[in-house]
Amino acid sequence: MKILALELSSARGSVALFNDGNVVFFREWQNDRKNSGPFFEYLAEVLKEFEKPDTIIVGLGPGSYAGTRIAISAAIGLQAASQSRLIGFPSICAIECDTAEYCVIGDARRQTFFLARIHGNNLAESPTLMTEAELRAKLDKVDSTMSIFTSEKLPQFERAAIRYPSAKVLVRLASDANRNFSQPPLEPIYLREPHITIPKK
């Protein structure tokens, strides 16, 4: 079974293909939100080499809304053309690391941050919004041996190490029939309701 993974939720994008028990294609790059060129180049490369996948999995964030939307849109187009199975999974559950349990923090903008806890590549605690002070207090209570990751620079939280979600992890997760995946229609994971600016009359 060929599984294609697309991950664009952070500053490091990646594309991977899993076939017959092995990751046979993997590309990652510095993901510039203003330039999706590398993503489509690697996508064309993997499709040319391995043709249509049986399953497509997309990282749903939370993270870059624009990047996640691009990955979802590309996956929808591929699914329509290939009739592949399409699924989604939280990107923060697909961070490459050596520990089964970890926390993820991130900047949710508007002076708020989020905290989530991952266990066995599943959400043990969904992302929760809080202020900087609330997050500091929460992290102070987290066991000192627990890994804390972030995919962006947050120097005010000294314990947080930079780690990125990876398509290489996503393809392996997609091969596990016992996991619960999001089904179409896929959407990015929203930390809050989308903010809409209404023009003045």
C-alpha atoms as a PDB file:
ATOM      1  CA  MET A   1       0.000   0.000   0.000  1.00  0.00           C
ATOM      2  CA  LYS A   2       1.316   3.438  -0.975  1.00  0.00           C
ATOM      3  CA  ILE A   3       0.658   6.229   1.548  1.00  0.00           C
ATOM      4  CA  LEU A   4       1.472   9.855   0.709  1.00  0.00           C
ATOM      5  CA  ALA A   5       1.875  12.403   3.524  1.00  0.00           C
ATOM      6  CA  LEU A   6       1.795  16.194   3.195  1.00  0.00           C
ATOM      7  CA  GLU A   7       2.899  18.423   6.077  1.00  0.00           C
ATOM      8  CA  LEU A   8       3.001  22.224   5.808  1.00  0.00           C
ATOM      9  CA  SER A   9       1.888  23.430   9.239  1.00  0.00           C
ATOM     10  CA  SER A  10       5.266  24.770  10.376  1.00  0.00           C
ATOM     11  CA  ALA A  11       8.401  26.505   9.117  1.00  0.00           C
ATOM     12  CA  ARG A  12       9.673  23.122   7.899  1.00  0.00           C
ATOM     13  CA  GLY A  13       7.584  21.500   5.199  1.00  0.00           C
ATOM     14  CA  SER A  14       7.822  17.854   4.225  1.00  0.00           C
ATOM     15  CA  VAL A  15       6.472  15.245   1.825  1.00  0.00           C
ATOM     16  CA  ALA A  16       6.851  11.490   2.320  1.00  0.00           C
ATOM     17  CA  LEU A  17       5.725   8.255   0.702  1.00  0.00           C
ATOM     18  CA  PHE A  18       5.357   4.955   2.549  1.00  0.00           C
ATOM     19  CA  ASN A  19       5.291   1.773   0.452  1.00  0.00           C
ATOM     20  CA  ASP A  20       5.308  -1.878   1.521  1.00  0.00           C
ATOM     21  CA  GLY A  21       6.396  -1.143   5.067  1.00  0.00           C
ATOM     22  CA  ASN A  22       9.102   1.438   4.329  1.00  0.00           C
ATOM     23  CA  VAL A  23       9.449   5.182   3.782  1.00  0.00           C
ATOM     24  CA  VAL A  24      10.721   5.202   0.191  1.00  0.00           C
ATOM     25  CA  PHE A  25      10.539   8.947  -0.475  1.00  0.00           C
ATOM     26  CA  PHE A  26      11.149  11.872   1.873  1.00  0.00           C
ATOM     27  CA  ARG A  27      11.824  15.545   1.233  1.00  0.00           C
ATOM     28  CA  GLU A  28      11.853  18.441   3.692  1.00  0.00           C
ATOM     29  CA  TRP A  29      12.652  22.119   3.278  1.00  0.00           C
ATOM     30  CA  GLN A  30      12.430  25.522   4.910  1.00  0.00           C
ATOM     31  CA  ASN A  31       8.764  26.316   4.383  1.00  0.00           C
ATOM     32  CA  ASP A  32       8.316  29.926   3.297  1.00  0.00           C
ATOM     33  CA  ARG A  33       4.635  30.836   3.595  1.00  0.00           C
ATOM     34  CA  LYS A  34       4.993  33.176   0.616  1.00  0.00           C
ATOM     35  CA  ASN A  35       6.479  30.562  -1.710  1.00  0.00           C
ATOM     36  CA  SER A  36       4.879  27.141  -2.185  1.00  0.00           C
ATOM     37  CA  GLY A  37       7.158  26.265  -5.103  1.00  0.00           C
ATOM     38  CA  PRO A  38       9.269  23.602  -3.324  1.00  0.00           C
ATOM     39  CA  PHE A  39       6.141  21.823  -2.074  1.00  0.00           C
ATOM     40  CA  PHE A  40       4.699  21.426  -5.555  1.00  0.00           C
ATOM     41  CA  GLU A  41       8.097  20.465  -7.013  1.00  0.00           C
ATOM     42  CA  TYR A  42       8.499  17.614  -4.509  1.00  0.00           C
ATOM     43  CA  LEU A  43       4.874  16.606  -4.936  1.00  0.00           C
ATOM     44  CA  ALA A  44       5.364  16.338  -8.700  1.00  0.00           C
ATOM     45  CA  GLU A  45       8.588  14.368  -8.123  1.00  0.00           C
ATOM     46  CA  VAL A  46       6.999  11.753  -5.852  1.00  0.00           C
ATOM     47  CA  LEU A  47       3.960  11.317  -8.126  1.00  0.00           C
ATOM     48  CA  LYS A  48       6.167  10.904 -11.181  1.00  0.00           C
ATOM     49  CA  GLU A  49       8.296   8.270  -9.473  1.00  0.00           C
ATOM     50  CA  PHE A  50       5.601   6.310  -7.630  1.00  0.00           C
ATOM     51  CA  GLU A  51       2.349   7.303  -9.403  1.00  0.00           C
ATOM     52  CA  LYS A  52      -0.926   7.562  -7.510  1.00  0.00           C
ATOM     53  CA  PRO A  53      -1.067   6.692  -3.803  1.00  0.00           C
ATOM     54  CA  ASP A  54      -3.677   4.484  -2.157  1.00  0.00           C
ATOM     55  CA  THR A  55      -3.995   6.826   0.840  1.00  0.00           C
ATOM     56  CA  ILE A  56      -3.219  10.523   1.326  1.00  0.00           C
ATOM     57  CA  ILE A  57      -2.731  11.892   4.842  1.00  0.00           C
ATOM     58  CA  VAL A  58      -2.477  15.607   5.634  1.00  0.00           C
ATOM     59  CA  GLY A  59      -1.180  17.291   8.787  1.00  0.00           C
ATOM     60  CA  LEU A  60      -3.969  19.514  10.122  1.00  0.00           C
ATOM     61  CA  GLY A  61      -1.967  21.709  12.491  1.00  0.00           C
ATOM     62  CA  PRO A  62      -2.379  23.674  14.606  1.00  0.00           C
ATOM     63  CA  GLY A  63       0.155  25.985  13.030  1.00  0.00           C
ATOM     64  CA  SER A  64       0.352  27.912   9.785  1.00  0.00           C
ATOM     65  CA  TYR A  65      -3.211  28.325   8.577  1.00  0.00           C
ATOM     66  CA  ALA A  66      -2.063  29.182   5.037  1.00  0.00           C
ATOM     67  CA  GLY A  67       0.328  26.236   4.820  1.00  0.00           C
ATOM     68  CA  THR A  68      -2.223  23.770   6.138  1.00  0.00           C
ATOM     69  CA  ARG A  69      -4.856  25.041   3.694  1.00  0.00           C
ATOM     70  CA  ILE A  70      -2.431  24.611   0.790  1.00  0.00           C
ATOM     71  CA  ALA A  71      -1.676  21.018   1.828  1.00  0.00           C
ATOM     72  CA  ILE A  72      -5.379  20.202   2.228  1.00  0.00           C
ATOM     73  CA  SER A  73      -6.271  21.762  -1.132  1.00  0.00           C
ATOM     74  CA  ALA A  74      -3.500  19.841  -2.900  1.00  0.00           C
ATOM     75  CA  ALA A  75      -4.636  16.606  -1.239  1.00  0.00           C
ATOM     76  CA  ILE A  76      -8.250  17.177  -2.274  1.00  0.00           C
ATOM     77  CA  GLY A  77      -7.151  17.691  -5.870  1.00  0.00           C
ATOM     78  CA  LEU A  78      -5.029  14.536  -5.831  1.00  0.00           C
ATOM     79  CA  GLN A  79      -7.810  12.537  -4.221  1.00  0.00           C
ATOM     80  CA  ALA A  80     -10.286  13.630  -6.870  1.00  0.00           C
ATOM     81  CA  ALA A  81      -7.896  12.579  -9.639  1.00  0.00           C
ATOM     82  CA  SER A  82      -6.749   9.295  -8.104  1.00  0.00           C
ATOM     83  CA  GLN A  83      -9.739   8.195  -5.985  1.00  0.00           C
ATOM     84  CA  SER A  84      -7.315   7.657  -3.107  1.00  0.00           C
ATOM     85  CA  ARG A  85      -8.457   7.495   0.491  1.00  0.00           C
ATOM     86  CA  LEU A  86      -8.049  10.929   2.137  1.00  0.00           C
ATOM     87  CA  ILE A  87      -7.488  11.417   5.881  1.00  0.00           C
ATOM     88  CA  GLY A  88      -6.134  14.051   8.246  1.00  0.00           C
ATOM     89  CA  PHE A  89      -4.283  13.977  11.571  1.00  0.00           C
ATOM     90  CA  PRO A  90      -3.005  16.635  14.019  1.00  0.00           C
ATOM     91  CA  SER A  91       0.448  17.754  12.952  1.00  0.00           C
ATOM     92  CA  ILE A  92       1.597  18.133  16.555  1.00  0.00           C
ATOM     93  CA  CYS A  93       1.105  14.364  16.991  1.00  0.00           C
ATOM     94  CA  ALA A  94       3.676  13.738  14.242  1.00  0.00           C
ATOM     95  CA  ILE A  95       6.788  15.325  15.739  1.00  0.00           C
ATOM     96  CA  GLU A  96       9.961  13.264  15.339  1.00  0.00           C
ATOM     97  CA  CYS A  97      11.286  12.534  18.828  1.00  0.00           C
ATOM     98  CA  ASP A  98      12.500   9.715  21.065  1.00  0.00           C
ATOM     99  CA  THR A  99       9.780   9.999  23.681  1.00  0.00           C
ATOM    100  CA  ALA A 100       6.238   8.610  23.663  1.00  0.00           C
ATOM    101  CA  GLU A 101       4.835  11.493  25.707  1.00  0.00           C
ATOM    102  CA  TYR A 102       5.490  15.192  25.305  1.00  0.00           C
ATOM    103  CA  CYS A 103       3.884  18.627  25.451  1.00  0.00           C
ATOM    104  CA  VAL A 104       3.635  21.097  22.587  1.00  0.00           C
ATOM    105  CA  ILE A 105       3.314  24.847  23.009  1.00  0.00           C
ATOM    106  CA  GLY A 106       2.835  27.539  20.399  1.00  0.00           C
ATOM    107  CA  ASP A 107       2.020  31.182  19.822  1.00  0.00           C
ATOM    108  CA  ALA A 108      -1.706  31.527  19.093  1.00  0.00           C
ATOM    109  CA  ARG A 109      -1.327  35.262  18.436  1.00  0.00           C
ATOM    110  CA  ARG A 110      -3.334  38.052  20.089  1.00  0.00           C
ATOM    111  CA  GLN A 111      -1.214  37.646  23.243  1.00  0.00           C
ATOM    112  CA  THR A 112      -2.267  34.037  23.760  1.00  0.00           C
ATOM    113  CA  PHE A 113      -0.489  30.691  23.571  1.00  0.00           C
ATOM    114  CA  PHE A 114      -1.578  27.078  23.373  1.00  0.00           C
ATOM    115  CA  LEU A 115      -0.549  23.944  25.215  1.00  0.00           C
ATOM    116  CA  ALA A 116      -1.302  20.355  24.179  1.00  0.00           C
ATOM    117  CA  ARG A 117      -0.146  16.992  25.515  1.00  0.00           C
ATOM    118  CA  ILE A 118       0.671  14.059  23.243  1.00  0.00           C
ATOM    119  CA  HIS A 119       0.868  10.401  24.248  1.00  0.00           C
ATOM    120  CA  GLY A 120       1.635   7.624  21.793  1.00  0.00           C
ATOM    121  CA  ASN A 121       1.201  10.045  18.877  1.00  0.00           C
ATOM    122  CA  ASN A 122      -2.362  10.801  19.972  1.00  0.00           C
ATOM    123  CA  LEU A 123      -3.818  13.893  21.585  1.00  0.00           C
ATOM    124  CA  ALA A 124      -3.955  13.187  25.321  1.00  0.00           C
ATOM    125  CA  GLU A 125      -4.972  16.811  25.957  1.00  0.00           C
ATOM    126  CA  SER A 126      -6.262  18.953  23.086  1.00  0.00           C
ATOM    127  CA  PRO A 127      -4.711  22.395  22.518  1.00  0.00           C
ATOM    128  CA  THR A 128      -5.873  24.853  25.174  1.00  0.00           C
ATOM    129  CA  LEU A 129      -5.542  28.615  24.863  1.00  0.00           C
ATOM    130  CA  MET A 130      -4.044  30.630  27.709  1.00  0.00           C
ATOM    131  CA  THR A 131      -2.126  33.795  28.466  1.00  0.00           C
ATOM    132  CA  GLU A 132       1.653  33.845  28.851  1.00  0.00           C
ATOM    133  CA  ALA A 133       1.300  33.951  32.633  1.00  0.00           C
ATOM    134  CA  GLU A 134      -1.131  31.035  32.613  1.00  0.00           C
ATOM    135  CA  LEU A 135       1.173  28.994  30.386  1.00  0.00           C
ATOM    136  CA  ARG A 136       4.157  29.699  32.636  1.00  0.00           C
ATOM    137  CA  ALA A 137       2.162  28.518  35.646  1.00  0.00           C
ATOM    138  CA  LYS A 138       1.036  25.413  33.781  1.00  0.00           C
ATOM    139  CA  LEU A 139       4.561  24.538  32.636  1.00  0.00           C
ATOM    140  CA  ASP A 140       5.879  24.972  36.184  1.00  0.00           C
ATOM    141  CA  LYS A 141       3.633  22.063  37.170  1.00  0.00           C
ATOM    142  CA  VAL A 142       4.779  19.811  34.317  1.00  0.00           C
ATOM    143  CA  ASP A 143       7.211  17.088  35.391  1.00  0.00           C
ATOM    144  CA  SER A 144      10.804  18.177  34.817  1.00  0.00           C
ATOM    145  CA  THR A 145      11.473  15.031  32.760  1.00  0.00           C
ATOM    146  CA  MET A 146       8.657  15.787  30.304  1.00  0.00           C
ATOM    147  CA  SER A 147       9.815  17.030  26.877  1.00  0.00           C
ATOM    148  CA  ILE A 148       8.272  20.324  25.766  1.00  0.00           C
ATOM    149  CA  PHE A 149       8.404  21.144  22.064  1.00  0.00           C
ATOM    150  CA  THR A 150       7.551  24.117  19.907  1.00  0.00           C
ATOM    151  CA  SER A 151       7.874  24.632  16.159  1.00  0.00           C
ATOM    152  CA  GLU A 152       8.681  28.341  16.493  1.00  0.00           C
ATOM    153  CA  LYS A 153      11.090  30.423  18.545  1.00  0.00           C
ATOM    154  CA  LEU A 154       9.637  31.121  21.986  1.00  0.00           C
ATOM    155  CA  PRO A 155      12.686  32.201  24.033  1.00  0.00           C
ATOM    156  CA  GLN A 156      10.495  33.271  26.958  1.00  0.00           C
ATOM    157  CA  PHE A 157       9.810  29.584  27.638  1.00  0.00           C
ATOM    158  CA  GLU A 158      13.269  28.186  28.364  1.00  0.00           C
ATOM    159  CA  ARG A 159      12.235  24.507  28.502  1.00  0.00           C
ATOM    160  CA  ALA A 160      10.763  24.465  24.999  1.00  0.00           C
ATOM    161  CA  ALA A 161      12.935  22.820  22.338  1.00  0.00           C
ATOM    162  CA  ILE A 162      12.400  23.390  18.606  1.00  0.00           C
ATOM    163  CA  ARG A 163      10.928  20.322  16.890  1.00  0.00           C
ATOM    164  CA  TYR A 164       8.875  20.129  13.713  1.00  0.00           C
ATOM    165  CA  PRO A 165       6.025  17.880  12.585  1.00  0.00           C
ATOM    166  CA  SER A 166       7.170  15.485   9.871  1.00  0.00           C
ATOM    167  CA  ALA A 167       5.505  13.783   6.925  1.00  0.00           C
ATOM    168  CA  LYS A 168       7.792  10.821   7.677  1.00  0.00           C
ATOM    169  CA  VAL A 169       5.936  10.299  10.962  1.00  0.00           C
ATOM    170  CA  LEU A 170       2.537  10.937   9.370  1.00  0.00           C
ATOM    171  CA  VAL A 171       2.944   8.156   6.790  1.00  0.00           C
ATOM    172  CA  ARG A 172       3.793   5.646   9.498  1.00  0.00           C
ATOM    173  CA  LEU A 173       0.808   6.715  11.573  1.00  0.00           C
ATOM    174  CA  ALA A 174      -1.476   6.365   8.548  1.00  0.00           C
ATOM    175  CA  SER A 175      -0.508   2.710   8.235  1.00  0.00           C
ATOM    176  CA  ASP A 176      -2.018   2.028  11.681  1.00  0.00           C
ATOM    177  CA  ALA A 177      -5.627   0.953  11.114  1.00  0.00           C
ATOM    178  CA  ASN A 178      -6.436   1.357  14.822  1.00  0.00           C
ATOM    179  CA  ARG A 179      -5.953   5.131  14.881  1.00  0.00           C
ATOM    180  CA  ASN A 180      -8.783   7.629  14.593  1.00  0.00           C
ATOM    181  CA  PHE A 181      -8.260   9.930  11.620  1.00  0.00           C
ATOM    182  CA  SER A 182     -10.204  12.965  10.494  1.00  0.00           C
ATOM    183  CA  GLN A 183     -12.326  12.275   7.438  1.00  0.00           C
ATOM    184  CA  PRO A 184     -13.254  14.660   4.603  1.00  0.00           C
ATOM    185  CA  PRO A 185     -14.136  17.451   4.460  1.00  0.00           C
ATOM    186  CA  LEU A 186     -10.777  18.247   6.077  1.00  0.00           C
ATOM    187  CA  GLU A 187     -10.127  21.550   7.839  1.00  0.00           C
ATOM    188  CA  PRO A 188      -7.145  23.010   9.697  1.00  0.00           C
ATOM    189  CA  ILE A 189      -7.333  22.706  13.467  1.00  0.00           C
ATOM    190  CA  TYR A 190      -8.677  26.050  14.653  1.00  0.00           C
ATOM    191  CA  LEU A 191      -7.542  27.296  18.041  1.00  0.00           C
ATOM    192  CA  ARG A 192     -10.291  29.924  18.012  1.00  0.00           C
ATOM    193  CA  GLU A 193     -13.016  31.135  15.707  1.00  0.00           C
ATOM    194  CA  PRO A 194     -11.573  32.740  12.538  1.00  0.00           C
ATOM    195  CA  HIS A 195     -11.161  36.512  12.898  1.00  0.00           C
ATOM    196  CA  ILE A 196     -12.980  38.422  10.173  1.00  0.00           C
ATOM    197  CA  THR A 197     -12.438  42.132   9.622  1.00  0.00           C
ATOM    198  CA  ILE A 198     -15.661  43.786   8.518  1.00  0.00           C
ATOM    199  CA  PRO A 199     -15.109  46.804   6.258  1.00  0.00           C
ATOM    200  CA  LYS A 200     -16.395  50.154   7.469  1.00  0.00           C
ATOM    201  CA  LYS A 201     -19.499  51.431   5.740  1.00  0.00           C
END
